[in-house]
Amino acid sequence: MTTLPVWKGTSNTLKAGFTDDLYMSLPKGVGPKLKVAMEARQPLTAPVALGQTVGVLRLTLNGSAVAEFPLQALEEVPQAGILGRAWDSIRLWFR
């Protein structure tokens, strides 16, 4: 589970992870060589629905992709009011 920044929402952060357990079989001794990278869609803007795909978890071995799993929103983030959205829009210009 990770926390991602959210723009133009009632909350500034979003918990993201997996709704189900993930399983993968690997040959013996390969586990330590496996590299894990999480790529989140940025900027992530509200509204964000529960279960919405907000990124991907990539597993690579020796530079080649082994598996990809969708990173999902574990909570909802409704859209902020007009002042909150305007403030975040201004902040995004300077980001």
N, C-alpha and C. Protein backbone atom coordinates (compact mmCIF):
# COMPACT_ATOMS: atom_id res chain seq x y z
N MET A 1 0.84 -1.16 0.00
CA MET A 1 0.00 0.00 0.00
C MET A 1 0.89 1.24 0.00
N THR A 2 0.44 2.27 -0.71
CA THR A 2 1.17 3.52 -0.79
C THR A 2 0.20 4.69 -0.73
N THR A 3 0.73 5.87 -0.55
CA THR A 3 -0.08 7.08 -0.53
C THR A 3 0.35 7.96 -1.69
N LEU A 4 -0.62 8.41 -2.48
CA LEU A 4 -0.35 9.24 -3.65
C LEU A 4 -0.95 10.63 -3.46
N PRO A 5 -0.32 11.66 -4.03
CA PRO A 5 -0.91 13.00 -3.96
C PRO A 5 -2.09 13.12 -4.93
N VAL A 6 -3.12 13.84 -4.51
CA VAL A 6 -4.31 14.07 -5.34
C VAL A 6 -4.54 15.57 -5.44
N TRP A 7 -4.88 16.03 -6.61
CA TRP A 7 -5.15 17.44 -6.85
C TRP A 7 -6.65 17.65 -7.06
N LYS A 8 -7.13 18.80 -6.65
CA LYS A 8 -8.51 19.25 -6.86
C LYS A 8 -9.54 18.37 -6.15
N GLY A 9 -9.14 17.74 -5.04
CA GLY A 9 -10.05 16.90 -4.28
C GLY A 9 -10.25 17.38 -2.86
N THR A 10 -11.21 16.78 -2.16
CA THR A 10 -11.46 17.14 -0.77
C THR A 10 -10.33 16.66 0.14
N SER A 11 -9.52 15.74 -0.34
CA SER A 11 -8.34 15.26 0.38
C SER A 11 -7.12 15.46 -0.51
N ASN A 12 -5.96 15.68 0.10
CA ASN A 12 -4.73 15.87 -0.67
C ASN A 12 -4.00 14.58 -0.95
N THR A 13 -4.43 13.48 -0.32
CA THR A 13 -3.76 12.20 -0.50
C THR A 13 -4.78 11.10 -0.77
N LEU A 14 -4.28 10.02 -1.32
CA LEU A 14 -5.10 8.85 -1.65
C LEU A 14 -4.32 7.60 -1.33
N LYS A 15 -4.94 6.66 -0.64
CA LYS A 15 -4.31 5.36 -0.37
C LYS A 15 -4.54 4.48 -1.60
N ALA A 16 -3.46 3.90 -2.09
CA ALA A 16 -3.54 3.04 -3.27
C ALA A 16 -2.85 1.72 -2.98
N GLY A 17 -3.33 0.68 -3.60
CA GLY A 17 -2.75 -0.65 -3.39
C GLY A 17 -3.51 -1.67 -4.21
N PHE A 18 -3.75 -2.83 -3.62
CA PHE A 18 -4.41 -3.92 -4.32
C PHE A 18 -5.61 -4.40 -3.52
N THR A 19 -6.71 -4.66 -4.20
CA THR A 19 -7.91 -5.12 -3.53
C THR A 19 -7.86 -6.62 -3.26
N ASP A 20 -7.03 -7.34 -4.01
CA ASP A 20 -6.87 -8.79 -3.83
C ASP A 20 -5.39 -9.12 -3.63
N ASP A 21 -5.12 -10.29 -3.09
CA ASP A 21 -3.74 -10.74 -2.93
C ASP A 21 -3.14 -11.05 -4.31
N LEU A 22 -1.84 -10.85 -4.44
CA LEU A 22 -1.13 -11.14 -5.69
C LEU A 22 -0.19 -12.32 -5.46
N TYR A 23 -0.19 -13.23 -6.40
CA TYR A 23 0.68 -14.40 -6.31
C TYR A 23 1.47 -14.53 -7.60
N MET A 24 2.71 -15.02 -7.45
CA MET A 24 3.57 -15.20 -8.61
C MET A 24 4.56 -16.31 -8.31
N SER A 25 4.78 -17.19 -9.25
CA SER A 25 5.75 -18.27 -9.08
C SER A 25 7.03 -17.91 -9.81
N LEU A 26 8.16 -18.07 -9.12
CA LEU A 26 9.46 -17.77 -9.70
C LEU A 26 10.40 -18.94 -9.48
N PRO A 27 11.37 -19.12 -10.38
CA PRO A 27 12.37 -20.16 -10.16
C PRO A 27 13.20 -19.86 -8.91
N LYS A 28 13.72 -20.89 -8.31
CA LYS A 28 14.53 -20.74 -7.11
C LYS A 28 15.74 -19.85 -7.38
N GLY A 29 16.00 -18.90 -6.46
CA GLY A 29 17.14 -18.02 -6.57
C GLY A 29 16.92 -16.75 -7.38
N VAL A 30 15.79 -16.63 -8.00
CA VAL A 30 15.51 -15.46 -8.85
C VAL A 30 14.95 -14.30 -8.03
N GLY A 31 14.34 -14.57 -6.90
CA GLY A 31 13.69 -13.55 -6.09
C GLY A 31 14.54 -12.33 -5.78
N PRO A 32 15.79 -12.49 -5.33
CA PRO A 32 16.62 -11.32 -5.03
C PRO A 32 16.97 -10.47 -6.25
N LYS A 33 16.92 -11.04 -7.45
CA LYS A 33 17.24 -10.30 -8.67
C LYS A 33 16.03 -9.54 -9.22
N LEU A 34 14.85 -9.83 -8.71
CA LEU A 34 13.62 -9.21 -9.19
C LEU A 34 13.56 -7.75 -8.75
N LYS A 35 13.25 -6.85 -9.67
CA LYS A 35 13.13 -5.43 -9.35
C LYS A 35 11.67 -5.01 -9.42
N VAL A 36 11.25 -4.23 -8.43
CA VAL A 36 9.86 -3.77 -8.34
C VAL A 36 9.84 -2.26 -8.53
N ALA A 37 8.95 -1.80 -9.41
CA ALA A 37 8.80 -0.36 -9.65
C ALA A 37 7.31 -0.02 -9.71
N MET A 38 6.94 1.03 -9.00
CA MET A 38 5.56 1.49 -9.01
C MET A 38 5.50 2.79 -9.81
N GLU A 39 4.61 2.83 -10.77
CA GLU A 39 4.42 4.03 -11.57
C GLU A 39 2.98 4.49 -11.39
N ALA A 40 2.82 5.69 -10.82
CA ALA A 40 1.50 6.25 -10.59
C ALA A 40 1.23 7.31 -11.66
N ARG A 41 -0.02 7.40 -12.07
CA ARG A 41 -0.43 8.42 -13.03
C ARG A 41 -0.39 9.77 -12.32
N GLN A 42 0.36 10.72 -12.87
CA GLN A 42 0.48 12.04 -12.26
C GLN A 42 0.30 13.12 -13.31
N PRO A 43 -0.32 14.20 -13.05
CA PRO A 43 -1.00 14.49 -11.79
C PRO A 43 -2.33 13.75 -11.72
N LEU A 44 -2.64 13.25 -10.56
CA LEU A 44 -3.87 12.53 -10.30
C LEU A 44 -4.90 13.54 -9.79
N THR A 45 -5.98 13.73 -10.55
CA THR A 45 -6.97 14.73 -10.18
C THR A 45 -8.28 14.07 -9.77
N ALA A 46 -8.96 14.70 -8.81
CA ALA A 46 -10.25 14.22 -8.31
C ALA A 46 -11.32 14.53 -9.34
N PRO A 47 -12.39 13.81 -9.36
CA PRO A 47 -12.79 12.75 -8.44
C PRO A 47 -12.11 11.42 -8.76
N VAL A 48 -11.82 10.67 -7.71
CA VAL A 48 -11.24 9.34 -7.83
C VAL A 48 -12.20 8.36 -7.17
N ALA A 49 -12.61 7.34 -7.92
CA ALA A 49 -13.56 6.35 -7.41
C ALA A 49 -12.82 5.20 -6.74
N LEU A 50 -13.49 4.56 -5.81
CA LEU A 50 -12.96 3.37 -5.15
C LEU A 50 -12.72 2.29 -6.20
N GLY A 51 -11.52 1.73 -6.23
CA GLY A 51 -11.19 0.67 -7.18
C GLY A 51 -10.68 1.17 -8.52
N GLN A 52 -10.64 2.48 -8.72
CA GLN A 52 -10.16 3.04 -9.98
C GLN A 52 -8.66 2.77 -10.13
N THR A 53 -8.22 2.43 -11.33
CA THR A 53 -6.80 2.20 -11.59
C THR A 53 -6.07 3.54 -11.61
N VAL A 54 -5.06 3.68 -10.74
CA VAL A 54 -4.32 4.93 -10.62
C VAL A 54 -2.84 4.76 -10.93
N GLY A 55 -2.44 3.58 -11.33
CA GLY A 55 -1.04 3.33 -11.66
C GLY A 55 -0.80 1.87 -11.94
N VAL A 56 0.45 1.49 -11.95
CA VAL A 56 0.82 0.11 -12.24
C VAL A 56 2.05 -0.28 -11.42
N LEU A 57 2.11 -1.54 -11.01
CA LEU A 57 3.27 -2.10 -10.33
C LEU A 57 3.95 -3.03 -11.33
N ARG A 58 5.21 -2.72 -11.66
CA ARG A 58 5.94 -3.51 -12.65
C ARG A 58 7.03 -4.32 -11.97
N LEU A 59 7.13 -5.58 -12.35
CA LEU A 59 8.19 -6.47 -11.88
C LEU A 59 9.09 -6.79 -13.08
N THR A 60 10.39 -6.54 -12.93
CA THR A 60 11.33 -6.80 -14.02
C THR A 60 12.46 -7.70 -13.53
N LEU A 61 12.99 -8.44 -14.46
CA LEU A 61 14.12 -9.33 -14.19
C LEU A 61 15.12 -9.17 -15.32
N ASN A 62 16.33 -8.73 -14.98
CA ASN A 62 17.38 -8.49 -15.97
C ASN A 62 16.93 -7.56 -17.09
N GLY A 63 16.14 -6.55 -16.75
CA GLY A 63 15.70 -5.55 -17.71
C GLY A 63 14.47 -5.91 -18.51
N SER A 64 13.97 -7.12 -18.40
CA SER A 64 12.76 -7.49 -19.15
C SER A 64 11.58 -7.63 -18.19
N ALA A 65 10.42 -7.21 -18.66
CA ALA A 65 9.21 -7.23 -17.84
C ALA A 65 8.78 -8.66 -17.55
N VAL A 66 8.46 -8.92 -16.28
CA VAL A 66 7.99 -10.23 -15.86
C VAL A 66 6.48 -10.18 -15.65
N ALA A 67 6.01 -9.11 -14.97
CA ALA A 67 4.58 -8.98 -14.69
C ALA A 67 4.22 -7.52 -14.43
N GLU A 68 2.95 -7.20 -14.66
CA GLU A 68 2.40 -5.88 -14.35
C GLU A 68 1.07 -6.08 -13.63
N PHE A 69 0.87 -5.32 -12.56
CA PHE A 69 -0.36 -5.39 -11.80
C PHE A 69 -0.93 -3.99 -11.66
N PRO A 70 -2.24 -3.82 -11.88
CA PRO A 70 -2.84 -2.48 -11.74
C PRO A 70 -2.90 -2.04 -10.28
N LEU A 71 -2.50 -0.80 -10.04
CA LEU A 71 -2.56 -0.18 -8.72
C LEU A 71 -3.91 0.51 -8.61
N GLN A 72 -4.69 0.17 -7.58
CA GLN A 72 -6.06 0.66 -7.47
C GLN A 72 -6.25 1.58 -6.28
N ALA A 73 -7.20 2.50 -6.42
CA ALA A 73 -7.55 3.40 -5.32
C ALA A 73 -8.28 2.60 -4.25
N LEU A 74 -7.83 2.74 -3.01
CA LEU A 74 -8.44 2.02 -1.90
C LEU A 74 -9.46 2.87 -1.16
N GLU A 75 -9.68 4.09 -1.64
CA GLU A 75 -10.67 4.99 -1.05
C GLU A 75 -11.14 5.98 -2.11
N GLU A 76 -12.26 6.61 -1.85
CA GLU A 76 -12.78 7.63 -2.75
C GLU A 76 -12.23 8.99 -2.38
N VAL A 77 -12.03 9.84 -3.39
CA VAL A 77 -11.69 11.23 -3.16
C VAL A 77 -12.64 12.06 -4.02
N PRO A 78 -13.67 12.67 -3.40
CA PRO A 78 -14.59 13.51 -4.17
C PRO A 78 -13.91 14.81 -4.61
N GLN A 79 -14.51 15.42 -5.61
CA GLN A 79 -14.00 16.69 -6.12
C GLN A 79 -14.22 17.79 -5.09
N ALA A 80 -13.26 18.69 -4.96
CA ALA A 80 -13.36 19.81 -4.02
C ALA A 80 -14.30 20.87 -4.57
N GLY A 81 -14.59 21.85 -3.73
CA GLY A 81 -15.41 22.97 -4.17
C GLY A 81 -14.65 23.84 -5.15
N ILE A 82 -15.30 24.87 -5.64
CA ILE A 82 -14.70 25.72 -6.68
C ILE A 82 -13.42 26.40 -6.20
N LEU A 83 -13.36 26.83 -4.95
CA LEU A 83 -12.15 27.48 -4.45
C LEU A 83 -10.99 26.50 -4.33
N GLY A 84 -11.26 25.30 -3.86
CA GLY A 84 -10.22 24.28 -3.75
C GLY A 84 -9.68 23.87 -5.10
N ARG A 85 -10.57 23.72 -6.07
CA ARG A 85 -10.13 23.36 -7.43
C ARG A 85 -9.31 24.50 -8.04
N ALA A 86 -9.75 25.74 -7.84
CA ALA A 86 -9.03 26.88 -8.39
C ALA A 86 -7.63 26.99 -7.78
N TRP A 87 -7.53 26.81 -6.47
CA TRP A 87 -6.24 26.88 -5.79
C TRP A 87 -5.29 25.80 -6.31
N ASP A 88 -5.78 24.57 -6.44
CA ASP A 88 -4.93 23.50 -6.94
C ASP A 88 -4.56 23.72 -8.41
N SER A 89 -5.44 24.33 -9.20
CA SER A 89 -5.12 24.63 -10.59
C SER A 89 -3.95 25.61 -10.66
N ILE A 90 -3.97 26.62 -9.81
CA ILE A 90 -2.87 27.58 -9.76
C ILE A 90 -1.58 26.90 -9.33
N ARG A 91 -1.67 26.05 -8.31
CA ARG A 91 -0.48 25.33 -7.83
C ARG A 91 0.09 24.40 -8.90
N LEU A 92 -0.77 23.81 -9.73
CA LEU A 92 -0.30 22.91 -10.78
C LEU A 92 0.46 23.66 -11.88
N TRP A 93 0.13 24.93 -12.10
CA TRP A 93 0.87 25.72 -13.10
C TRP A 93 2.33 25.86 -12.72
N PHE A 94 2.61 25.97 -11.42
CA PHE A 94 3.97 26.18 -10.96
C PHE A 94 4.69 24.90 -10.57
N ARG A 95 4.08 23.79 -10.79
CA ARG A 95 4.66 22.49 -10.43
C ARG A 95 5.59 22.01 -11.50
